Amino acid sequence: MIAVTGANGQLGRLVLKHLSSLTHEPVRALVRSPDKAQDLVSSQISVSRFDYNDPSGLAEGLAGVTRLLLISGSEVGQRVAQHAAVIEAAKSAGVSFITYTSLLNVPNSSLVLAAEHIDTESILSKSGIAHAVLRNGWYLENYAGTVAAALQHGAVVGASGDGRISVAGREDYAEAAARVVSGADLSTRVMELAGDQSISLSELAAEISRQTGRNIPFQNLTEDDYAGVLMGAGLPEAFARAISDADRGAASGELYNASTALRALIRRPTKPVSTFVAESLSSA
């Protein structure tokens, strides 16, 4: 049996969709609130409660599971303890293979967001469980708010300078995760997953300009000023500072990687930036 943590999230739901087409093996969708995920249930997929913050119930949720996709948690600052509890529960339950969604260029990344991934990868390495680490690049969907704000305010803002950012769609990363956790290769390995395209934010602004017929420039701010803009837009301070810190890292190339492993895994090109912008504009 395959199990997927965070299965009711945006990435998790896409993973389940791909697993349904890739394998006939039973799949357990592990979610915090099963009553909110009943639409996931099918003849192949069952739903079980699995709360990162309730370690006592984790092993039960993994009973009978042989392969686990551990989608990194969303509670920044709490994820190392949460992931460690899941990995320990996996050992107790006899899980033989774990796939983990990490971050591009760990462990050489200085990003605030990278620290918990670095620690989780270390815990996995010491667990004795065979595992695949998927170091995901930046999601194109991370810029949905950027596109919306550009339409409203007439500019793309950020703090990444001329830094290039390797981007792909959430669907691309979801398919890759599904293929790895359900695949024949159960060896321990690390994969840097970068999109076919890399962009700077000035190029993103140029693409928005091209598709809208407007002149939308990129305004490069300091890290602190960008955090202030994000907080002014309603983001919590900790999250805003993590995003501005990511731009700081991107300016020095920390969100860029030339790897073609993602394309090889999904056996097709990753989502083009132009397609993402078109989709964002159509839903704006």
Protein backbone atom coordinates (compact mmCIF):
# COMPACT_ATOMS: atom_id res chain seq x y z
CA MET A 1 0.00 0.00 0.00
CA ILE A 2 1.10 3.56 -0.78
CA ALA A 3 0.29 6.39 1.63
CA VAL A 4 0.43 10.13 1.00
CA THR A 5 0.65 12.69 3.80
CA GLY A 6 -0.99 16.09 3.41
CA ALA A 7 -3.22 14.43 0.84
CA ASN A 8 -5.95 17.07 1.08
CA GLY A 9 -3.54 19.86 0.14
CA GLN A 10 -3.00 21.32 -3.31
CA LEU A 11 0.01 19.14 -4.07
CA GLY A 12 -1.39 16.05 -2.36
CA ARG A 13 -4.61 16.06 -4.36
CA LEU A 14 -2.65 16.24 -7.61
CA VAL A 15 -0.41 13.37 -6.47
CA LEU A 16 -3.49 11.22 -5.80
CA LYS A 17 -4.79 11.98 -9.28
CA HIS A 18 -1.56 10.79 -10.85
CA LEU A 19 -1.31 7.71 -8.63
CA SER A 20 -4.77 6.69 -9.81
CA SER A 21 -3.49 6.53 -13.38
CA LEU A 22 -0.04 5.11 -12.62
CA THR A 23 -0.80 2.18 -10.32
CA HIS A 24 -3.55 -0.19 -9.26
CA GLU A 25 -2.04 -0.46 -5.77
CA PRO A 26 -4.25 0.70 -2.87
CA VAL A 27 -3.56 4.28 -1.77
CA ARG A 28 -4.19 5.74 1.67
CA ALA A 29 -4.75 9.50 1.78
CA LEU A 30 -3.48 10.74 5.13
CA VAL A 31 -5.23 13.93 6.22
CA ARG A 32 -5.72 15.99 9.35
CA SER A 33 -9.52 16.17 8.99
CA PRO A 34 -11.04 13.14 7.20
CA ASP A 35 -14.50 14.72 7.18
CA LYS A 36 -13.11 17.43 4.87
CA ALA A 37 -11.59 14.94 2.45
CA GLN A 38 -14.37 12.46 1.74
CA ASP A 39 -14.43 13.47 -1.91
CA LEU A 40 -11.02 11.80 -2.23
CA VAL A 41 -12.44 8.36 -1.48
CA SER A 42 -12.64 5.90 -4.37
CA SER A 43 -12.35 2.17 -4.96
CA GLN A 44 -8.57 2.66 -4.83
CA ILE A 45 -8.17 5.51 -2.34
CA SER A 46 -9.09 5.42 1.35
CA VAL A 47 -8.83 8.31 3.79
CA SER A 48 -7.34 8.14 7.29
CA ARG A 49 -6.72 10.70 10.01
CA PHE A 50 -3.06 11.65 10.27
CA ASP A 51 -2.15 14.70 12.34
CA TYR A 52 1.51 15.70 12.44
CA ASN A 53 0.87 17.22 15.87
CA ASP A 54 -0.51 13.99 17.33
CA PRO A 55 2.47 11.60 17.19
CA SER A 56 0.69 8.89 19.17
CA GLY A 57 -1.64 8.15 16.25
CA LEU A 58 0.85 8.24 13.40
CA ALA A 59 1.96 4.60 13.47
CA GLU A 60 -1.65 3.44 13.33
CA GLY A 61 -2.20 5.57 10.24
CA LEU A 62 0.76 3.86 8.58
CA ALA A 63 -0.21 0.27 9.43
CA GLY A 64 0.12 -1.89 6.35
CA VAL A 65 1.87 0.84 4.34
CA THR A 66 5.00 -0.14 2.42
CA ARG A 67 5.67 3.14 0.57
CA LEU A 68 5.14 6.62 1.96
CA LEU A 69 5.15 10.01 0.28
CA LEU A 70 5.99 12.51 3.00
CA ILE A 71 4.87 15.89 1.70
CA SER A 72 6.64 18.50 3.80
CA GLY A 73 4.38 20.22 6.31
CA SER A 74 3.18 23.78 5.98
CA GLU A 75 3.80 24.96 9.54
CA VAL A 76 7.19 26.63 9.22
CA GLY A 77 9.09 26.36 12.49
CA GLN A 78 7.40 23.12 13.52
CA ARG A 79 8.26 20.92 10.57
CA VAL A 80 11.41 19.22 11.86
CA ALA A 81 9.62 17.77 14.89
CA GLN A 82 6.61 16.85 12.75
CA HIS A 83 8.67 15.14 10.06
CA ALA A 84 10.79 13.33 12.66
CA ALA A 85 7.64 11.95 14.26
CA VAL A 86 6.37 10.70 10.90
CA ILE A 87 9.70 9.05 10.06
CA GLU A 88 9.81 7.36 13.48
CA ALA A 89 6.24 6.15 13.03
CA ALA A 90 7.18 4.83 9.57
CA LYS A 91 9.99 2.80 11.13
CA SER A 92 7.60 1.38 13.72
CA ALA A 93 5.03 0.50 11.06
CA GLY A 94 7.55 -1.23 8.81
CA VAL A 95 7.44 1.25 5.92
CA SER A 96 10.20 0.24 3.53
CA PHE A 97 10.47 3.31 1.27
CA ILE A 98 9.88 7.04 1.85
CA THR A 99 9.72 9.78 -0.77
CA TYR A 100 10.17 13.27 0.70
CA THR A 101 9.50 16.66 -0.90
CA SER A 102 12.43 18.93 -0.07
CA LEU A 103 13.77 22.18 -1.55
CA LEU A 104 16.06 22.85 -4.50
CA ASN A 105 19.79 22.99 -3.72
CA VAL A 106 19.57 21.73 -0.13
CA PRO A 107 21.90 21.41 1.78
CA ASN A 108 23.86 24.29 0.21
CA SER A 109 20.96 26.73 0.46
CA SER A 110 21.03 29.64 2.90
CA LEU A 111 17.27 30.22 2.61
CA VAL A 112 15.31 30.33 5.85
CA LEU A 113 12.91 27.87 4.24
CA ALA A 114 15.76 25.43 3.62
CA ALA A 115 16.78 24.88 7.25
CA GLU A 116 13.98 22.48 8.14
CA HIS A 117 14.49 20.53 4.92
CA ILE A 118 18.20 20.17 5.71
CA ASP A 119 17.35 18.76 9.14
CA THR A 120 14.67 16.44 7.75
CA GLU A 121 17.03 15.08 5.10
CA SER A 122 19.52 14.35 7.86
CA ILE A 123 16.89 12.49 9.89
CA LEU A 124 15.96 10.46 6.83
CA SER A 125 19.60 9.58 6.19
CA LYS A 126 19.93 8.22 9.73
CA SER A 127 16.57 6.39 9.71
CA GLY A 128 17.72 3.23 7.98
CA ILE A 129 14.74 3.45 5.62
CA ALA A 130 15.40 3.57 1.88
CA HIS A 131 14.29 6.95 0.59
CA ALA A 132 14.14 9.33 -2.34
CA VAL A 133 14.53 13.04 -1.70
CA LEU A 134 12.83 15.25 -4.27
CA ARG A 135 14.36 18.71 -4.03
CA ASN A 136 11.60 20.70 -5.67
CA GLY A 137 12.28 24.00 -7.36
CA TRP A 138 9.99 27.02 -7.14
CA TYR A 139 6.35 26.52 -8.07
CA LEU A 140 5.00 28.76 -10.82
CA GLU A 141 1.86 29.02 -8.70
CA ASN A 142 3.90 30.91 -6.11
CA TYR A 143 3.58 33.86 -8.52
CA ALA A 144 -0.21 33.83 -8.84
CA GLY A 145 -0.42 36.66 -6.32
CA THR A 146 2.41 38.47 -8.11
CA VAL A 147 0.45 38.46 -11.36
CA ALA A 148 -2.72 39.67 -9.63
CA ALA A 149 -0.82 42.45 -7.84
CA ALA A 150 0.89 43.46 -11.09
CA LEU A 151 -2.48 43.92 -12.77
CA GLN A 152 -3.73 46.01 -9.87
CA HIS A 153 -0.66 48.13 -9.19
CA GLY A 154 1.07 48.17 -12.59
CA ALA A 155 4.34 46.56 -11.51
CA VAL A 156 5.95 43.30 -10.44
CA VAL A 157 7.77 43.80 -7.15
CA GLY A 158 10.35 41.62 -5.47
CA ALA A 159 13.89 41.52 -4.16
CA SER A 160 15.51 38.95 -6.46
CA GLY A 161 17.37 41.36 -8.73
CA ASP A 162 18.57 39.63 -11.88
CA GLY A 163 18.63 36.22 -10.19
CA ARG A 164 17.32 33.32 -12.24
CA ILE A 165 14.67 31.10 -10.70
CA SER A 166 14.00 27.56 -11.92
CA VAL A 167 10.22 27.17 -12.11
CA ALA A 168 7.72 24.44 -12.93
CA GLY A 169 4.04 23.86 -12.29
CA ARG A 170 2.64 22.19 -9.20
CA GLU A 171 1.24 19.52 -11.51
CA ASP A 172 4.77 18.76 -12.72
CA TYR A 173 6.09 18.21 -9.20
CA ALA A 174 3.02 16.17 -8.25
CA GLU A 175 3.45 13.81 -11.18
CA ALA A 176 7.14 13.40 -10.37
CA ALA A 177 6.34 12.49 -6.76
CA ALA A 178 3.68 10.02 -7.84
CA ARG A 179 6.04 8.35 -10.29
CA VAL A 180 8.82 8.02 -7.71
CA VAL A 181 6.72 6.69 -4.84
CA SER A 182 4.98 4.15 -7.10
CA GLY A 183 7.96 3.26 -9.27
CA ALA A 184 10.22 0.23 -9.45
CA ASP A 185 13.36 2.04 -8.23
CA LEU A 186 13.40 1.82 -4.44
CA SER A 187 17.01 2.89 -4.03
CA THR A 188 18.08 5.73 -1.78
CA ARG A 189 18.76 8.79 -3.91
CA VAL A 190 18.47 12.58 -4.15
CA MET A 191 17.05 14.42 -7.15
CA GLU A 192 17.23 18.12 -7.88
CA LEU A 193 13.94 18.88 -9.66
CA ALA A 194 14.09 22.06 -11.71
CA GLY A 195 11.76 23.22 -14.46
CA ASP A 196 12.79 23.40 -18.09
CA GLN A 197 12.68 27.20 -17.84
CA SER A 198 14.30 29.64 -15.48
CA ILE A 199 13.19 33.26 -15.25
CA SER A 200 14.09 36.50 -13.59
CA LEU A 201 11.28 38.63 -12.23
CA SER A 202 12.00 41.22 -14.88
CA GLU A 203 11.28 38.52 -17.47
CA LEU A 204 8.07 37.60 -15.66
CA ALA A 205 7.06 41.26 -15.80
CA ALA A 206 7.89 41.33 -19.51
CA GLU A 207 5.71 38.28 -20.15
CA ILE A 208 2.79 39.84 -18.27
CA SER A 209 3.32 43.02 -20.28
CA ARG A 210 3.36 41.07 -23.54
CA GLN A 211 0.13 39.24 -22.79
CA THR A 212 -1.76 42.25 -21.44
CA GLY A 213 -0.45 44.89 -23.83
CA ARG A 214 0.50 47.02 -20.82
CA ASN A 215 3.88 48.30 -19.70
CA ILE A 216 4.42 46.47 -16.41
CA PRO A 217 7.99 46.90 -15.11
CA PHE A 218 9.84 45.01 -12.41
CA GLN A 219 10.67 47.03 -9.30
CA ASN A 220 13.55 45.54 -7.34
CA LEU A 221 13.27 46.34 -3.63
CA THR A 222 15.45 45.65 -0.63
CA GLU A 223 14.63 42.48 1.28
CA ASP A 224 13.14 44.48 4.17
CA ASP A 225 11.10 46.72 1.90
CA TYR A 226 9.70 43.71 0.05
CA ALA A 227 8.76 42.06 3.34
CA GLY A 228 6.95 45.27 4.24
CA VAL A 229 5.01 45.19 0.97
CA LEU A 230 3.98 41.59 1.63
CA MET A 231 2.89 42.37 5.16
CA GLY A 232 0.95 45.34 3.85
CA ALA A 233 -0.85 42.91 1.53
CA GLY A 234 -1.93 40.88 4.54
CA LEU A 235 0.72 38.17 4.86
CA PRO A 236 1.80 37.22 8.41
CA GLU A 237 5.19 38.68 9.27
CA ALA A 238 7.01 35.32 9.54
CA PHE A 239 5.73 34.18 6.16
CA ALA A 240 6.40 37.54 4.52
CA ARG A 241 9.99 37.50 5.76
CA ALA A 242 10.46 33.92 4.55
CA ILE A 243 9.28 34.94 1.07
CA SER A 244 11.49 38.03 0.97
CA ASP A 245 14.40 35.92 2.20
CA ALA A 246 13.77 33.51 -0.68
CA ASP A 247 14.07 36.45 -3.07
CA ARG A 248 17.31 37.41 -1.37
CA GLY A 249 18.61 33.91 -2.04
CA ALA A 250 17.28 33.92 -5.59
CA ALA A 251 19.30 37.07 -6.31
CA SER A 252 22.47 35.04 -5.74
CA GLY A 253 21.29 31.98 -7.68
CA GLU A 254 20.01 29.78 -4.88
CA LEU A 255 16.72 29.02 -6.64
CA TYR A 256 18.38 28.04 -9.92
CA ASN A 257 19.50 24.59 -11.01
CA ALA A 258 20.18 23.24 -14.51
CA SER A 259 19.04 19.71 -13.68
CA THR A 260 16.81 17.97 -16.23
CA ALA A 261 15.69 15.25 -13.80
CA LEU A 262 12.15 16.62 -13.49
CA ARG A 263 11.52 16.47 -17.24
CA ALA A 264 13.01 12.97 -17.34
CA LEU A 265 10.74 11.79 -14.52
CA ILE A 266 7.50 13.10 -15.97
CA ARG A 267 8.50 12.27 -19.57
CA ARG A 268 7.29 15.58 -20.97
CA PRO A 269 8.22 19.27 -20.85
CA THR A 270 7.38 21.18 -17.67
CA LYS A 271 4.74 23.93 -17.76
CA PRO A 272 5.91 27.00 -19.70
CA VAL A 273 5.92 30.38 -17.98
CA SER A 274 3.77 31.79 -20.78
CA THR A 275 1.07 29.18 -20.11
CA PHE A 276 1.08 29.96 -16.39
CA VAL A 277 0.74 33.70 -17.05
CA ALA A 278 -2.11 33.10 -19.52
CA GLU A 279 -3.94 30.93 -16.99
CA SER A 280 -3.41 33.50 -14.23
CA LEU A 281 -4.73 36.32 -16.42
CA SER A 282 -7.80 34.32 -17.44
CA SER A 283 -8.70 33.72 -13.79
CA ALA A 284 -7.93 37.26 -12.62
